[in-house]
Amino acid sequence: MEIDITLNGAKRTFEAERSDSLLDVLRCNGYTGAKRGCDTGNCGFCTVVVDGEPERSCIKPVATIDGATVETIESLGTQDDLHPIQAAFVDNAALQCGFCIPGMIMQTRSLLADTPDPTEAEIRDGLSGNLCRCTGYEKIIDAVQDAAGRMNDEQTVATDGGDTVVAPNACSNDGCPRGERR
């Protein structure tokens, strides 16, 4: 089946199986920021934004997103021009292994869009579905508070870091759900 979406601001069409998750399609097409963790929607590593709402892409059936607008971590800043949330996470040492960070940042982006100046309790509640096995969360809370200040102070935000260029057969066997190359 073909899925037409707006991905990180660009109209895209993807081939997918009806049984694929959004995470499967993203990762097999070179968008590897969202991570595969639990495959049950409990860890938040795969969090992306669909039509303005944070979603667990590992349990989001791709068949339900035709026509949707999807934003991934790749839609934020670049290595040379970090988004204010990304910069706050770096500056506050809110990452260790980094595996949870793309989902944590996308959840933070949604939290700050809804609550520009959250309390610590609102941050903890807003990120409660995103697990981190390394940091103990304190630096993450600090980073979100810092990011809120940065977002309130800045009028411009970095946009998509550019088009993802995927070489033919770029999907590795460990990235595709059925071990096939697309």
Protein backbone atom coordinates (compact mmCIF):
# COMPACT_ATOMS: atom_id res chain seq x y z
CA MET A 1 0.00 0.00 0.00
CA GLU A 2 1.09 3.60 -0.47
CA ILE A 3 1.01 6.10 2.38
CA ASP A 4 1.02 9.83 1.62
CA ILE A 5 2.10 12.06 4.51
CA THR A 6 3.73 15.38 5.15
CA LEU A 7 6.96 14.42 6.88
CA ASN A 8 9.03 17.18 8.46
CA GLY A 9 7.37 19.71 6.17
CA ALA A 10 7.76 17.78 2.90
CA LYS A 11 5.12 15.75 1.07
CA ARG A 12 6.27 12.13 0.98
CA THR A 13 4.89 8.84 -0.30
CA PHE A 14 6.03 5.57 1.24
CA GLU A 15 5.41 1.95 0.32
CA ALA A 16 4.30 -0.01 3.35
CA GLU A 17 2.61 -3.18 4.41
CA ARG A 18 -0.73 -2.73 6.15
CA SER A 19 0.80 -4.40 9.23
CA ASP A 20 3.75 -1.97 9.45
CA SER A 21 3.98 0.52 12.27
CA LEU A 22 4.87 4.14 11.66
CA LEU A 23 8.23 3.40 13.30
CA ASP A 24 8.89 0.58 10.81
CA VAL A 25 8.25 2.87 7.85
CA LEU A 26 10.28 5.77 9.26
CA ARG A 27 13.34 3.67 10.10
CA CYS A 28 13.26 1.73 6.83
CA ASN A 29 13.26 5.01 4.94
CA GLY A 30 16.26 6.55 6.67
CA TYR A 31 14.55 8.42 9.53
CA THR A 32 16.39 6.69 12.36
CA GLY A 33 15.96 9.31 15.08
CA ALA A 34 12.96 7.55 16.60
CA LYS A 35 14.30 4.51 18.42
CA ARG A 36 12.86 1.04 18.80
CA GLY A 37 12.63 0.20 22.49
CA CYS A 38 9.77 -1.83 23.87
CA ASP A 39 7.46 -2.21 20.81
CA THR A 40 4.54 -1.78 23.23
CA GLY A 41 4.35 2.02 23.47
CA ASN A 42 5.55 2.05 27.08
CA CYS A 43 9.07 3.49 26.86
CA GLY A 44 8.54 6.56 24.65
CA PHE A 45 11.82 6.09 22.74
CA CYS A 46 9.88 6.16 19.46
CA THR A 47 7.89 9.33 20.15
CA VAL A 48 7.10 11.46 17.10
CA VAL A 49 4.45 14.13 16.55
CA VAL A 50 1.44 13.23 14.38
CA ASP A 51 -0.96 16.02 13.52
CA GLY A 52 0.38 18.06 16.43
CA GLU A 53 0.14 15.32 19.07
CA PRO A 54 2.94 13.15 20.45
CA GLU A 55 2.49 9.53 19.39
CA ARG A 56 4.31 6.29 20.07
CA SER A 57 5.32 5.35 16.54
CA CYS A 58 6.00 1.70 17.44
CA ILE A 59 2.30 1.09 18.03
CA LYS A 60 0.87 3.58 15.53
CA PRO A 61 -0.39 1.55 12.55
CA VAL A 62 0.90 3.14 9.38
CA ALA A 63 -2.48 2.52 7.76
CA THR A 64 -3.98 5.14 10.12
CA ILE A 65 -1.69 8.00 9.13
CA ASP A 66 -2.44 8.44 5.43
CA GLY A 67 -2.72 12.21 4.89
CA ALA A 68 -1.24 13.04 8.30
CA THR A 69 1.50 15.50 9.18
CA VAL A 70 4.39 13.77 10.95
CA GLU A 71 7.35 15.41 12.66
CA THR A 72 10.42 13.51 13.79
CA ILE A 73 13.57 14.58 15.63
CA GLU A 74 15.07 15.14 12.18
CA SER A 75 12.71 18.14 11.81
CA LEU A 76 14.49 20.07 14.54
CA GLY A 77 17.97 21.60 14.48
CA THR A 78 21.13 20.38 12.86
CA GLN A 79 24.44 19.46 14.46
CA ASP A 80 25.65 23.00 13.71
CA ASP A 81 22.39 24.77 14.61
CA LEU A 82 20.63 22.98 17.46
CA HIS A 83 16.99 23.63 18.26
CA PRO A 84 16.69 25.36 21.68
CA ILE A 85 15.39 22.15 23.27
CA GLN A 86 18.29 20.15 21.89
CA ALA A 87 20.76 22.80 23.06
CA ALA A 88 19.23 22.79 26.55
CA PHE A 89 19.58 19.01 26.79
CA VAL A 90 23.25 19.26 25.76
CA ASP A 91 24.04 22.23 27.99
CA ASN A 92 22.41 20.59 31.02
CA ALA A 93 24.11 17.22 30.42
CA ALA A 94 20.64 15.66 30.24
CA LEU A 95 21.82 12.74 28.18
CA GLN A 96 24.04 9.81 28.81
CA CYS A 97 23.60 6.91 26.41
CA GLY A 98 21.25 9.10 24.34
CA PHE A 99 18.88 6.32 23.30
CA CYS A 100 15.80 7.89 24.90
CA ILE A 101 16.66 11.46 23.95
CA PRO A 102 14.93 11.78 20.53
CA GLY A 103 11.62 10.67 22.06
CA MET A 104 12.22 12.76 25.17
CA ILE A 105 12.92 15.85 23.04
CA MET A 106 9.84 15.33 20.86
CA GLN A 107 7.69 14.88 23.97
CA THR A 108 9.28 18.01 25.47
CA ARG A 109 8.50 19.94 22.29
CA SER A 110 4.82 18.99 22.59
CA LEU A 111 4.79 19.76 26.30
CA LEU A 112 6.25 23.23 25.75
CA ALA A 113 3.86 23.92 22.87
CA ASP A 114 0.94 23.26 25.22
CA THR A 115 2.52 24.64 28.40
CA PRO A 116 5.21 27.24 27.59
CA ASP A 117 6.23 27.77 31.23
CA PRO A 118 5.65 24.44 32.98
CA THR A 119 6.16 23.77 36.66
CA GLU A 120 8.39 20.89 37.72
CA ALA A 121 5.27 18.83 38.45
CA GLU A 122 3.90 19.55 34.96
CA ILE A 123 7.23 18.53 33.42
CA ARG A 124 7.32 15.29 35.39
CA ASP A 125 3.74 14.55 34.39
CA GLY A 126 4.34 15.53 30.76
CA LEU A 127 7.37 13.26 30.46
CA SER A 128 6.00 10.41 32.60
CA GLY A 129 5.53 8.16 29.57
CA ASN A 130 9.14 8.53 28.47
CA LEU A 131 11.60 6.28 30.23
CA CYS A 132 15.30 6.94 30.75
CA ARG A 133 17.51 4.23 32.16
CA CYS A 134 20.64 6.35 32.64
CA THR A 135 20.08 9.87 33.91
CA GLY A 136 17.82 9.73 36.96
CA TYR A 137 15.66 12.43 35.31
CA GLU A 138 16.94 15.40 37.36
CA LYS A 139 19.08 16.77 34.54
CA ILE A 140 16.24 16.15 32.11
CA ILE A 141 13.90 18.23 34.30
CA ASP A 142 16.58 20.96 34.42
CA ALA A 143 16.93 20.81 30.63
CA VAL A 144 13.19 21.16 30.06
CA GLN A 145 13.04 24.15 32.41
CA ASP A 146 16.01 25.68 30.57
CA ALA A 147 14.42 24.93 27.19
CA ALA A 148 11.19 26.62 28.28
CA GLY A 149 13.15 29.78 29.03
CA ARG A 150 14.99 29.57 25.72
CA MET A 151 11.78 28.99 23.79
CA ASN A 152 10.08 31.92 25.50
CA ASP A 153 13.08 34.17 24.73
CA GLU A 154 13.54 33.15 21.09
CA GLN A 155 11.22 33.95 18.24
CA THR A 156 12.91 31.79 15.62
CA VAL A 157 13.35 28.05 15.76
CA ALA A 158 15.57 25.88 13.59
CA THR A 159 13.64 23.91 11.00
CA ASP A 160 14.21 20.67 9.17
CA GLY A 161 17.92 20.01 8.80
CA GLY A 162 17.48 19.13 5.16
CA ASP A 163 16.17 16.36 3.06
CA THR A 164 17.12 12.87 4.07
CA VAL A 165 18.92 11.17 1.25
CA VAL A 166 18.47 7.44 1.36
CA ALA A 167 20.70 5.27 -0.77
CA PRO A 168 19.07 2.31 -2.49
CA ASN A 169 18.80 -0.63 -0.11
CA ALA A 170 19.75 1.62 2.81
CA CYS A 171 17.52 -0.24 5.21
CA SER A 172 19.66 -2.67 7.16
CA ASN A 173 18.36 -6.06 8.14
CA ASP A 174 18.18 -5.02 11.77
CA GLY A 175 16.15 -1.89 10.92
CA CYS A 176 13.32 -3.48 8.95
CA PRO A 177 10.66 -5.41 10.80
CA ARG A 178 10.73 -8.42 8.53
CA GLY A 179 14.48 -8.39 7.80
CA GLU A 180 13.92 -7.37 4.20
CA ARG A 181 15.42 -4.52 2.27
CA ARG A 182 13.17 -1.91 0.72
